[in-house]
Amino acid sequence: MRVIEGRRDAPEPGSYTNKLLEGGDNRILKKIGEESAEFVMACKDGNAAEIAGEAADIVFHLQVALAHHGVSWRDVQQVLAARRGAPRRS
């Protein structure tokens, strides 16, 4: 996340992260959709290496979206921590 935020704050020519950030929500969210579909298919196929790779792609693109919107990874962690021990949803 720090690398992504660094690219946002100090763009590097030719950086894939910067291409995503420059494309804004349209480019970033499209990639999240594509990677999510690939993750689903990897899970369906049951290939652990592909599942891990696609999960990594989703996490990366989620982090780019978070950085684009000024939401920190810490904010996400705090939400998850607050949910720990919360009443279960049915």
PDB file of N, CA and C in Angstrom:
ATOM      1  N   MET A   1       0.830  -1.188   0.000  1.00  0.00           N
ATOM      2  CA  MET A   1       0.000   0.000   0.000  1.00  0.00           C
ATOM      3  C   MET A   1       0.876   1.253   0.000  1.00  0.00           C
ATOM      4  N   ARG A   2       1.982   1.200   0.726  1.00  0.00           N
ATOM      5  CA  ARG A   2       2.876   2.372   0.761  1.00  0.00           C
ATOM      6  C   ARG A   2       3.449   2.668  -0.618  1.00  0.00           C
ATOM      7  N   VAL A   3       3.768   1.625  -1.369  1.00  0.00           N
ATOM      8  CA  VAL A   3       4.289   1.824  -2.728  1.00  0.00           C
ATOM      9  C   VAL A   3       3.218   2.474  -3.599  1.00  0.00           C
ATOM     10  N   ILE A   4       1.996   1.999  -3.496  1.00  0.00           N
ATOM     11  CA  ILE A   4       0.893   2.555  -4.288  1.00  0.00           C
ATOM     12  C   ILE A   4       0.666   4.016  -3.916  1.00  0.00           C
ATOM     13  N   GLU A   5       0.630   4.316  -2.629  1.00  0.00           N
ATOM     14  CA  GLU A   5       0.456   5.697  -2.190  1.00  0.00           C
ATOM     15  C   GLU A   5       1.630   6.565  -2.646  1.00  0.00           C
ATOM     16  N   GLY A   6       2.827   5.983  -2.653  1.00  0.00           N
ATOM     17  CA  GLY A   6       3.994   6.710  -3.142  1.00  0.00           C
ATOM     18  C   GLY A   6       3.880   7.040  -4.614  1.00  0.00           C
ATOM     19  N   ARG A   7       3.360   6.100  -5.398  1.00  0.00           N
ATOM     20  CA  ARG A   7       3.166   6.348  -6.830  1.00  0.00           C
ATOM     21  C   ARG A   7       2.112   7.430  -7.044  1.00  0.00           C
ATOM     22  N   ARG A   8       1.082   7.401  -6.200  1.00  0.00           N
ATOM     23  CA  ARG A   8       0.025   8.416  -6.297  1.00  0.00           C
ATOM     24  C   ARG A   8       0.605   9.812  -6.014  1.00  0.00           C
ATOM     25  N   ASP A   9       1.440   9.883  -4.975  1.00  0.00           N
ATOM     26  CA  ASP A   9       1.976  11.173  -4.531  1.00  0.00           C
ATOM     27  C   ASP A   9       3.164  11.645  -5.370  1.00  0.00           C
ATOM     28  N   ALA A  10       3.913  10.705  -5.937  1.00  0.00           N
ATOM     29  CA  ALA A  10       5.084  11.039  -6.763  1.00  0.00           C
ATOM     30  C   ALA A  10       5.094  10.092  -7.959  1.00  0.00           C
ATOM     31  N   PRO A  11       4.283  10.384  -8.966  1.00  0.00           N
ATOM     32  CA  PRO A  11       4.148   9.479 -10.119  1.00  0.00           C
ATOM     33  C   PRO A  11       5.481   9.161 -10.790  1.00  0.00           C
ATOM     34  N   GLU A  12       5.584   7.929 -11.266  1.00  0.00           N
ATOM     35  CA  GLU A  12       6.755   7.473 -12.020  1.00  0.00           C
ATOM     36  C   GLU A  12       6.328   7.185 -13.449  1.00  0.00           C
ATOM     37  N   PRO A  13       7.018   7.764 -14.420  1.00  0.00           N
ATOM     38  CA  PRO A  13       6.671   7.505 -15.823  1.00  0.00           C
ATOM     39  C   PRO A  13       6.700   6.013 -16.132  1.00  0.00           C
ATOM     40  N   GLY A  14       5.675   5.557 -16.842  1.00  0.00           N
ATOM     41  CA  GLY A  14       5.612   4.161 -17.253  1.00  0.00           C
ATOM     42  C   GLY A  14       5.088   3.210 -16.201  1.00  0.00           C
ATOM     43  N   SER A  15       4.772   3.704 -15.026  1.00  0.00           N
ATOM     44  CA  SER A  15       4.283   2.861 -13.935  1.00  0.00           C
ATOM     45  C   SER A  15       2.859   2.384 -14.215  1.00  0.00           C
ATOM     46  N   TYR A  16       2.638   1.069 -14.083  1.00  0.00           N
ATOM     47  CA  TYR A  16       1.297   0.509 -14.255  1.00  0.00           C
ATOM     48  C   TYR A  16       0.341   1.110 -13.226  1.00  0.00           C
ATOM     49  N   THR A  17       0.819   1.260 -12.001  1.00  0.00           N
ATOM     50  CA  THR A  17      -0.005   1.847 -10.949  1.00  0.00           C
ATOM     51  C   THR A  17      -0.448   3.248 -11.348  1.00  0.00           C
ATOM     52  N   ASN A  18       0.467   4.045 -11.890  1.00  0.00           N
ATOM     53  CA  ASN A  18       0.107   5.393 -12.314  1.00  0.00           C
ATOM     54  C   ASN A  18      -0.868   5.391 -13.480  1.00  0.00           C
ATOM     55  N   LYS A  19      -0.746   4.417 -14.385  1.00  0.00           N
ATOM     56  CA  LYS A  19      -1.711   4.318 -15.483  1.00  0.00           C
ATOM     57  C   LYS A  19      -3.114   4.076 -14.928  1.00  0.00           C
ATOM     58  N   LEU A  20      -3.203   3.206 -13.926  1.00  0.00           N
ATOM     59  CA  LEU A  20      -4.498   2.955 -13.296  1.00  0.00           C
ATOM     60  C   LEU A  20      -5.029   4.218 -12.625  1.00  0.00           C
ATOM     61  N   LEU A  21      -4.178   4.874 -11.834  1.00  0.00           N
ATOM     62  CA  LEU A  21      -4.601   6.074 -11.123  1.00  0.00           C
ATOM     63  C   LEU A  21      -5.012   7.186 -12.087  1.00  0.00           C
ATOM     64  N   GLU A  22      -4.283   7.335 -13.177  1.00  0.00           N
ATOM     65  CA  GLU A  22      -4.615   8.357 -14.173  1.00  0.00           C
ATOM     66  C   GLU A  22      -5.947   8.052 -14.847  1.00  0.00           C
ATOM     67  N   GLY A  23      -6.276   6.772 -14.979  1.00  0.00           N
ATOM     68  CA  GLY A  23      -7.544   6.368 -15.589  1.00  0.00           C
ATOM     69  C   GLY A  23      -8.728   6.537 -14.666  1.00  0.00           C
ATOM     70  N   GLY A  24      -8.456   6.778 -13.389  1.00  0.00           N
ATOM     71  CA  GLY A  24      -9.529   7.002 -12.426  1.00  0.00           C
ATOM     72  C   GLY A  24     -10.401   5.782 -12.197  1.00  0.00           C
ATOM     73  N   ASP A  25     -11.583   6.064 -11.680  1.00  0.00           N
ATOM     74  CA  ASP A  25     -12.500   4.979 -11.329  1.00  0.00           C
ATOM     75  C   ASP A  25     -12.805   4.056 -12.501  1.00  0.00           C
ATOM     76  N   ASN A  26     -12.995   4.614 -13.683  1.00  0.00           N
ATOM     77  CA  ASN A  26     -13.351   3.752 -14.820  1.00  0.00           C
ATOM     78  C   ASN A  26     -12.315   2.662 -15.036  1.00  0.00           C
ATOM     79  N   ARG A  27     -11.057   3.019 -15.068  1.00  0.00           N
ATOM     80  CA  ARG A  27     -10.007   2.030 -15.325  1.00  0.00           C
ATOM     81  C   ARG A  27      -9.811   1.108 -14.112  1.00  0.00           C
ATOM     82  N   ILE A  28      -9.760   1.686 -12.926  1.00  0.00           N
ATOM     83  CA  ILE A  28      -9.504   0.900 -11.708  1.00  0.00           C
ATOM     84  C   ILE A  28     -10.633  -0.101 -11.463  1.00  0.00           C
ATOM     85  N   LEU A  29     -11.858   0.362 -11.521  1.00  0.00           N
ATOM     86  CA  LEU A  29     -12.991  -0.509 -11.214  1.00  0.00           C
ATOM     87  C   LEU A  29     -13.186  -1.580 -12.281  1.00  0.00           C
ATOM     88  N   LYS A  30     -12.883  -1.252 -13.519  1.00  0.00           N
ATOM     89  CA  LYS A  30     -12.931  -2.264 -14.576  1.00  0.00           C
ATOM     90  C   LYS A  30     -11.960  -3.397 -14.261  1.00  0.00           C
ATOM     91  N   LYS A  31     -10.746  -3.046 -13.820  1.00  0.00           N
ATOM     92  CA  LYS A  31      -9.751  -4.069 -13.472  1.00  0.00           C
ATOM     93  C   LYS A  31     -10.207  -4.896 -12.275  1.00  0.00           C
ATOM     94  N   ILE A  32     -10.830  -4.274 -11.297  1.00  0.00           N
ATOM     95  CA  ILE A  32     -11.328  -5.035 -10.144  1.00  0.00           C
ATOM     96  C   ILE A  32     -12.371  -6.046 -10.616  1.00  0.00           C
ATOM     97  N   GLY A  33     -13.250  -5.624 -11.502  1.00  0.00           N
ATOM     98  CA  GLY A  33     -14.261  -6.541 -12.045  1.00  0.00           C
ATOM     99  C   GLY A  33     -13.628  -7.699 -12.799  1.00  0.00           C
ATOM    100  N   GLU A  34     -12.662  -7.391 -13.657  1.00  0.00           N
ATOM    101  CA  GLU A  34     -11.988  -8.440 -14.432  1.00  0.00           C
ATOM    102  C   GLU A  34     -11.269  -9.424 -13.513  1.00  0.00           C
ATOM    103  N   GLU A  35     -10.526  -8.890 -12.564  1.00  0.00           N
ATOM    104  CA  GLU A  35      -9.754  -9.754 -11.667  1.00  0.00           C
ATOM    105  C   GLU A  35     -10.668 -10.585 -10.775  1.00  0.00           C
ATOM    106  N   SER A  36     -11.793 -10.025 -10.382  1.00  0.00           N
ATOM    107  CA  SER A  36     -12.753 -10.779  -9.562  1.00  0.00           C
ATOM    108  C   SER A  36     -13.309 -11.965 -10.333  1.00  0.00           C
ATOM    109  N   ALA A  37     -13.635 -11.748 -11.608  1.00  0.00           N
ATOM    110  CA  ALA A  37     -14.138 -12.851 -12.432  1.00  0.00           C
ATOM    111  C   ALA A  37     -13.069 -13.930 -12.604  1.00  0.00           C
ATOM    112  N   GLU A  38     -11.820 -13.510 -12.790  1.00  0.00           N
ATOM    113  CA  GLU A  38     -10.731 -14.483 -12.931  1.00  0.00           C
ATOM    114  C   GLU A  38     -10.515 -15.256 -11.629  1.00  0.00           C
ATOM    115  N   PHE A  39     -10.695 -14.587 -10.493  1.00  0.00           N
ATOM    116  CA  PHE A  39     -10.576 -15.254  -9.199  1.00  0.00           C
ATOM    117  C   PHE A  39     -11.665 -16.319  -9.045  1.00  0.00           C
ATOM    118  N   VAL A  40     -12.883 -15.959  -9.411  1.00  0.00           N
ATOM    119  CA  VAL A  40     -14.001 -16.907  -9.335  1.00  0.00           C
ATOM    120  C   VAL A  40     -13.713 -18.144 -10.181  1.00  0.00           C
ATOM    121  N   MET A  41     -13.227 -17.929 -11.400  1.00  0.00           N
ATOM    122  CA  MET A  41     -12.935 -19.059 -12.276  1.00  0.00           C
ATOM    123  C   MET A  41     -11.783 -19.913 -11.736  1.00  0.00           C
ATOM    124  N   ALA A  42     -10.764 -19.284 -11.153  1.00  0.00           N
ATOM    125  CA  ALA A  42      -9.653 -20.041 -10.564  1.00  0.00           C
ATOM    126  C   ALA A  42     -10.166 -20.906  -9.411  1.00  0.00           C
ATOM    127  N   CYS A  43     -11.058 -20.346  -8.602  1.00  0.00           N
ATOM    128  CA  CYS A  43     -11.636 -21.129  -7.503  1.00  0.00           C
ATOM    129  C   CYS A  43     -12.444 -22.299  -8.051  1.00  0.00           C
ATOM    130  N   LYS A  44     -13.206 -22.042  -9.090  1.00  0.00           N
ATOM    131  CA  LYS A  44     -14.015 -23.096  -9.704  1.00  0.00           C
ATOM    132  C   LYS A  44     -13.127 -24.224 -10.211  1.00  0.00           C
ATOM    133  N   ASP A  45     -11.959 -23.854 -10.762  1.00  0.00           N
ATOM    134  CA  ASP A  45     -11.035 -24.855 -11.289  1.00  0.00           C
ATOM    135  C   ASP A  45     -10.223 -25.545 -10.194  1.00  0.00           C
ATOM    136  N   GLY A  46     -10.192 -24.950  -9.002  1.00  0.00           N
ATOM    137  CA  GLY A  46      -9.515 -25.565  -7.873  1.00  0.00           C
ATOM    138  C   GLY A  46      -7.994 -25.546  -7.930  1.00  0.00           C
ATOM    139  N   ASN A  47      -7.423 -24.639  -8.711  1.00  0.00           N
ATOM    140  CA  ASN A  47      -5.964 -24.552  -8.825  1.00  0.00           C
ATOM    141  C   ASN A  47      -5.438 -23.563  -7.795  1.00  0.00           C
ATOM    142  N   ALA A  48      -4.780 -24.070  -6.756  1.00  0.00           N
ATOM    143  CA  ALA A  48      -4.345 -23.231  -5.638  1.00  0.00           C
ATOM    144  C   ALA A  48      -3.411 -22.100  -6.074  1.00  0.00           C
ATOM    145  N   ALA A  49      -2.483 -22.375  -6.973  1.00  0.00           N
ATOM    146  CA  ALA A  49      -1.546 -21.341  -7.424  1.00  0.00           C
ATOM    147  C   ALA A  49      -2.281 -20.229  -8.168  1.00  0.00           C
ATOM    148  N   GLU A  50      -3.237 -20.606  -9.020  1.00  0.00           N
ATOM    149  CA  GLU A  50      -4.015 -19.601  -9.749  1.00  0.00           C
ATOM    150  C   GLU A  50      -4.910 -18.812  -8.802  1.00  0.00           C
ATOM    151  N   ILE A  51      -5.480 -19.488  -7.826  1.00  0.00           N
ATOM    152  CA  ILE A  51      -6.324 -18.809  -6.838  1.00  0.00           C
ATOM    153  C   ILE A  51      -5.501 -17.754  -6.106  1.00  0.00           C
ATOM    154  N   ALA A  52      -4.315 -18.120  -5.653  1.00  0.00           N
ATOM    155  CA  ALA A  52      -3.451 -17.170  -4.942  1.00  0.00           C
ATOM    156  C   ALA A  52      -3.063 -16.007  -5.844  1.00  0.00           C
ATOM    157  N   GLY A  53      -2.740 -16.283  -7.092  1.00  0.00           N
ATOM    158  CA  GLY A  53      -2.359 -15.225  -8.026  1.00  0.00           C
ATOM    159  C   GLY A  53      -3.495 -14.257  -8.299  1.00  0.00           C
ATOM    160  N   GLU A  54      -4.671 -14.787  -8.506  1.00  0.00           N
ATOM    161  CA  GLU A  54      -5.828 -13.921  -8.773  1.00  0.00           C
ATOM    162  C   GLU A  54      -6.227 -13.147  -7.524  1.00  0.00           C
ATOM    163  N   ALA A  55      -6.107 -13.771  -6.353  1.00  0.00           N
ATOM    164  CA  ALA A  55      -6.389 -13.056  -5.102  1.00  0.00           C
ATOM    165  C   ALA A  55      -5.420 -11.885  -4.938  1.00  0.00           C
ATOM    166  N   ALA A  56      -4.149 -12.117  -5.257  1.00  0.00           N
ATOM    167  CA  ALA A  56      -3.157 -11.044  -5.182  1.00  0.00           C
ATOM    168  C   ALA A  56      -3.523  -9.909  -6.133  1.00  0.00           C
ATOM    169  N   ASP A  57      -3.989 -10.250  -7.333  1.00  0.00           N
ATOM    170  CA  ASP A  57      -4.394  -9.227  -8.297  1.00  0.00           C
ATOM    171  C   ASP A  57      -5.560  -8.399  -7.762  1.00  0.00           C
ATOM    172  N   ILE A  58      -6.530  -9.071  -7.139  1.00  0.00           N
ATOM    173  CA  ILE A  58      -7.675  -8.347  -6.567  1.00  0.00           C
ATOM    174  C   ILE A  58      -7.208  -7.412  -5.461  1.00  0.00           C
ATOM    175  N   VAL A  59      -6.392  -7.916  -4.553  1.00  0.00           N
ATOM    176  CA  VAL A  59      -5.927  -7.092  -3.431  1.00  0.00           C
ATOM    177  C   VAL A  59      -5.169  -5.870  -3.949  1.00  0.00           C
ATOM    178  N   PHE A  60      -4.291  -6.081  -4.933  1.00  0.00           N
ATOM    179  CA  PHE A  60      -3.544  -4.953  -5.500  1.00  0.00           C
ATOM    180  C   PHE A  60      -4.497  -3.896  -6.059  1.00  0.00           C
ATOM    181  N   HIS A  61      -5.449  -4.328  -6.881  1.00  0.00           N
ATOM    182  CA  HIS A  61      -6.352  -3.365  -7.506  1.00  0.00           C
ATOM    183  C   HIS A  61      -7.287  -2.715  -6.486  1.00  0.00           C
ATOM    184  N   LEU A  62      -7.674  -3.443  -5.443  1.00  0.00           N
ATOM    185  CA  LEU A  62      -8.444  -2.835  -4.352  1.00  0.00           C
ATOM    186  C   LEU A  62      -7.623  -1.744  -3.674  1.00  0.00           C
ATOM    187  N   GLN A  63      -6.346  -2.023  -3.456  1.00  0.00           N
ATOM    188  CA  GLN A  63      -5.489  -1.028  -2.822  1.00  0.00           C
ATOM    189  C   GLN A  63      -5.320   0.214  -3.700  1.00  0.00           C
ATOM    190  N   VAL A  64      -5.254   0.022  -5.003  1.00  0.00           N
ATOM    191  CA  VAL A  64      -5.184   1.175  -5.905  1.00  0.00           C
ATOM    192  C   VAL A  64      -6.470   2.002  -5.773  1.00  0.00           C
ATOM    193  N   ALA A  65      -7.620   1.343  -5.736  1.00  0.00           N
ATOM    194  CA  ALA A  65      -8.896   2.059  -5.575  1.00  0.00           C
ATOM    195  C   ALA A  65      -8.934   2.801  -4.244  1.00  0.00           C
ATOM    196  N   LEU A  66      -8.467   2.150  -3.188  1.00  0.00           N
ATOM    197  CA  LEU A  66      -8.429   2.807  -1.879  1.00  0.00           C
ATOM    198  C   LEU A  66      -7.551   4.054  -1.926  1.00  0.00           C
ATOM    199  N   ALA A  67      -6.361   3.923  -2.489  1.00  0.00           N
ATOM    200  CA  ALA A  67      -5.443   5.060  -2.583  1.00  0.00           C
ATOM    201  C   ALA A  67      -6.057   6.172  -3.424  1.00  0.00           C
ATOM    202  N   HIS A  68      -6.716   5.810  -4.506  1.00  0.00           N
ATOM    203  CA  HIS A  68      -7.351   6.795  -5.381  1.00  0.00           C
ATOM    204  C   HIS A  68      -8.386   7.621  -4.621  1.00  0.00           C
ATOM    205  N   HIS A  69      -9.070   6.971  -3.679  1.00  0.00           N
ATOM    206  CA  HIS A  69     -10.120   7.641  -2.910  1.00  0.00           C
ATOM    207  C   HIS A  69      -9.639   8.140  -1.550  1.00  0.00           C
ATOM    208  N   GLY A  70      -8.337   8.021  -1.287  1.00  0.00           N
ATOM    209  CA  GLY A  70      -7.790   8.540  -0.029  1.00  0.00           C
ATOM    210  C   GLY A  70      -8.184   7.736   1.199  1.00  0.00           C
ATOM    211  N   VAL A  71      -8.474   6.458   0.995  1.00  0.00           N
ATOM    212  CA  VAL A  71      -8.821   5.563   2.108  1.00  0.00           C
ATOM    213  C   VAL A  71      -7.597   4.705   2.392  1.00  0.00           C
ATOM    214  N   SER A  72      -7.167   4.675   3.636  1.00  0.00           N
ATOM    215  CA  SER A  72      -5.958   3.925   3.973  1.00  0.00           C
ATOM    216  C   SER A  72      -6.268   2.455   4.231  1.00  0.00           C
ATOM    217  N   TRP A  73      -5.228   1.640   4.110  1.00  0.00           N
ATOM    218  CA  TRP A  73      -5.365   0.214   4.430  1.00  0.00           C
ATOM    219  C   TRP A  73      -5.691   0.070   5.914  1.00  0.00           C
ATOM    220  N   ARG A  74      -5.169   0.990   6.726  1.00  0.00           N
ATOM    221  CA  ARG A  74      -5.454   0.988   8.169  1.00  0.00           C
ATOM    222  C   ARG A  74      -6.953   1.166   8.402  1.00  0.00           C
ATOM    223  N   ASP A  75      -7.606   2.020   7.612  1.00  0.00           N
ATOM    224  CA  ASP A  75      -9.060   2.209   7.742  1.00  0.00           C
ATOM    225  C   ASP A  75      -9.790   0.885   7.536  1.00  0.00           C
ATOM    226  N   VAL A  76      -9.364   0.125   6.537  1.00  0.00           N
ATOM    227  CA  VAL A  76      -9.983  -1.172   6.243  1.00  0.00           C
ATOM    228  C   VAL A  76      -9.737  -2.132   7.407  1.00  0.00           C
ATOM    229  N   GLN A  77      -8.518  -2.154   7.912  1.00  0.00           N
ATOM    230  CA  GLN A  77      -8.182  -3.026   9.035  1.00  0.00           C
ATOM    231  C   GLN A  77      -9.003  -2.681  10.271  1.00  0.00           C
ATOM    232  N   GLN A  78      -9.231  -1.398  10.488  1.00  0.00           N
ATOM    233  CA  GLN A  78     -10.027  -0.983  11.643  1.00  0.00           C
ATOM    234  C   GLN A  78     -11.475  -1.454  11.527  1.00  0.00           C
ATOM    235  N   VAL A  79     -12.025  -1.408  10.329  1.00  0.00           N
ATOM    236  CA  VAL A  79     -13.387  -1.904  10.118  1.00  0.00           C
ATOM    237  C   VAL A  79     -13.440  -3.400  10.396  1.00  0.00           C
ATOM    238  N   LEU A  80     -12.459  -4.135   9.881  1.00  0.00           N
ATOM    239  CA  LEU A  80     -12.431  -5.583  10.124  1.00  0.00           C
ATOM    240  C   LEU A  80     -12.282  -5.889  11.612  1.00  0.00           C
ATOM    241  N   ALA A  81     -11.419  -5.143  12.291  1.00  0.00           N
ATOM    242  CA  ALA A  81     -11.225  -5.361  13.727  1.00  0.00           C
ATOM    243  C   ALA A  81     -12.506  -5.069  14.504  1.00  0.00           C
ATOM    244  N   ALA A  82     -13.226  -4.032  14.106  1.00  0.00           N
ATOM    245  CA  ALA A  82     -14.475  -3.685  14.793  1.00  0.00           C
ATOM    246  C   ALA A  82     -15.539  -4.760  14.592  1.00  0.00           C
ATOM    247  N   ARG A  83     -15.447  -5.457  13.487  1.00  0.00           N
ATOM    248  CA  ARG A  83     -16.421  -6.526  13.211  1.00  0.00           C
ATOM    249  C   ARG A  83     -16.127  -7.791  13.994  1.00  0.00           C
ATOM    250  N   ARG A  84     -14.883  -7.953  14.422  1.00  0.00           N
ATOM    251  CA  ARG A  84     -14.511  -9.146  15.183  1.00  0.00           C
ATOM    252  C   ARG A  84     -15.320  -9.176  16.469  1.00  0.00           C
ATOM    253  N   GLY A  85     -16.007 -10.248  16.688  1.00  0.00           N
ATOM    254  CA  GLY A  85     -16.814 -10.398  17.902  1.00  0.00           C
ATOM    255  C   GLY A  85     -18.169  -9.734  17.818  1.00  0.00           C
ATOM    256  N   ALA A  86     -18.469  -9.103  16.679  1.00  0.00           N
ATOM    257  CA  ALA A  86     -19.787  -8.479  16.499  1.00  0.00           C
ATOM    258  C   ALA A  86     -20.827  -9.584  16.363  1.00  0.00           C
ATOM    259  N   PRO A  87     -22.063  -9.247  16.657  1.00  0.00           N
ATOM    260  CA  PRO A  87     -23.125 -10.259  16.488  1.00  0.00           C
ATOM    261  C   PRO A  87     -23.148 -10.820  15.075  1.00  0.00           C
ATOM    262  N   ARG A  88     -23.367 -12.098  14.975  1.00  0.00           N
ATOM    263  CA  ARG A  88     -23.399 -12.769  13.671  1.00  0.00           C
ATOM    264  C   ARG A  88     -24.657 -12.379  12.914  1.00  0.00           C
ATOM    265  N   ARG A  89     -24.466 -12.213  11.603  1.00  0.00           N
ATOM    266  CA  ARG A  89     -25.626 -11.945  10.751  1.00  0.00           C
ATOM    267  C   ARG A  89     -26.208 -13.284  10.307  1.00  0.00           C
ATOM    268  N   SER A  90     -27.501 -13.332  10.155  1.00  0.00           N
ATOM    269  CA  SER A  90     -28.117 -14.600   9.708  1.00  0.00           C
ATOM    270  C   SER A  90     -28.389 -14.604   8.245  1.00  0.00           C
TER     271      SER A  90
END
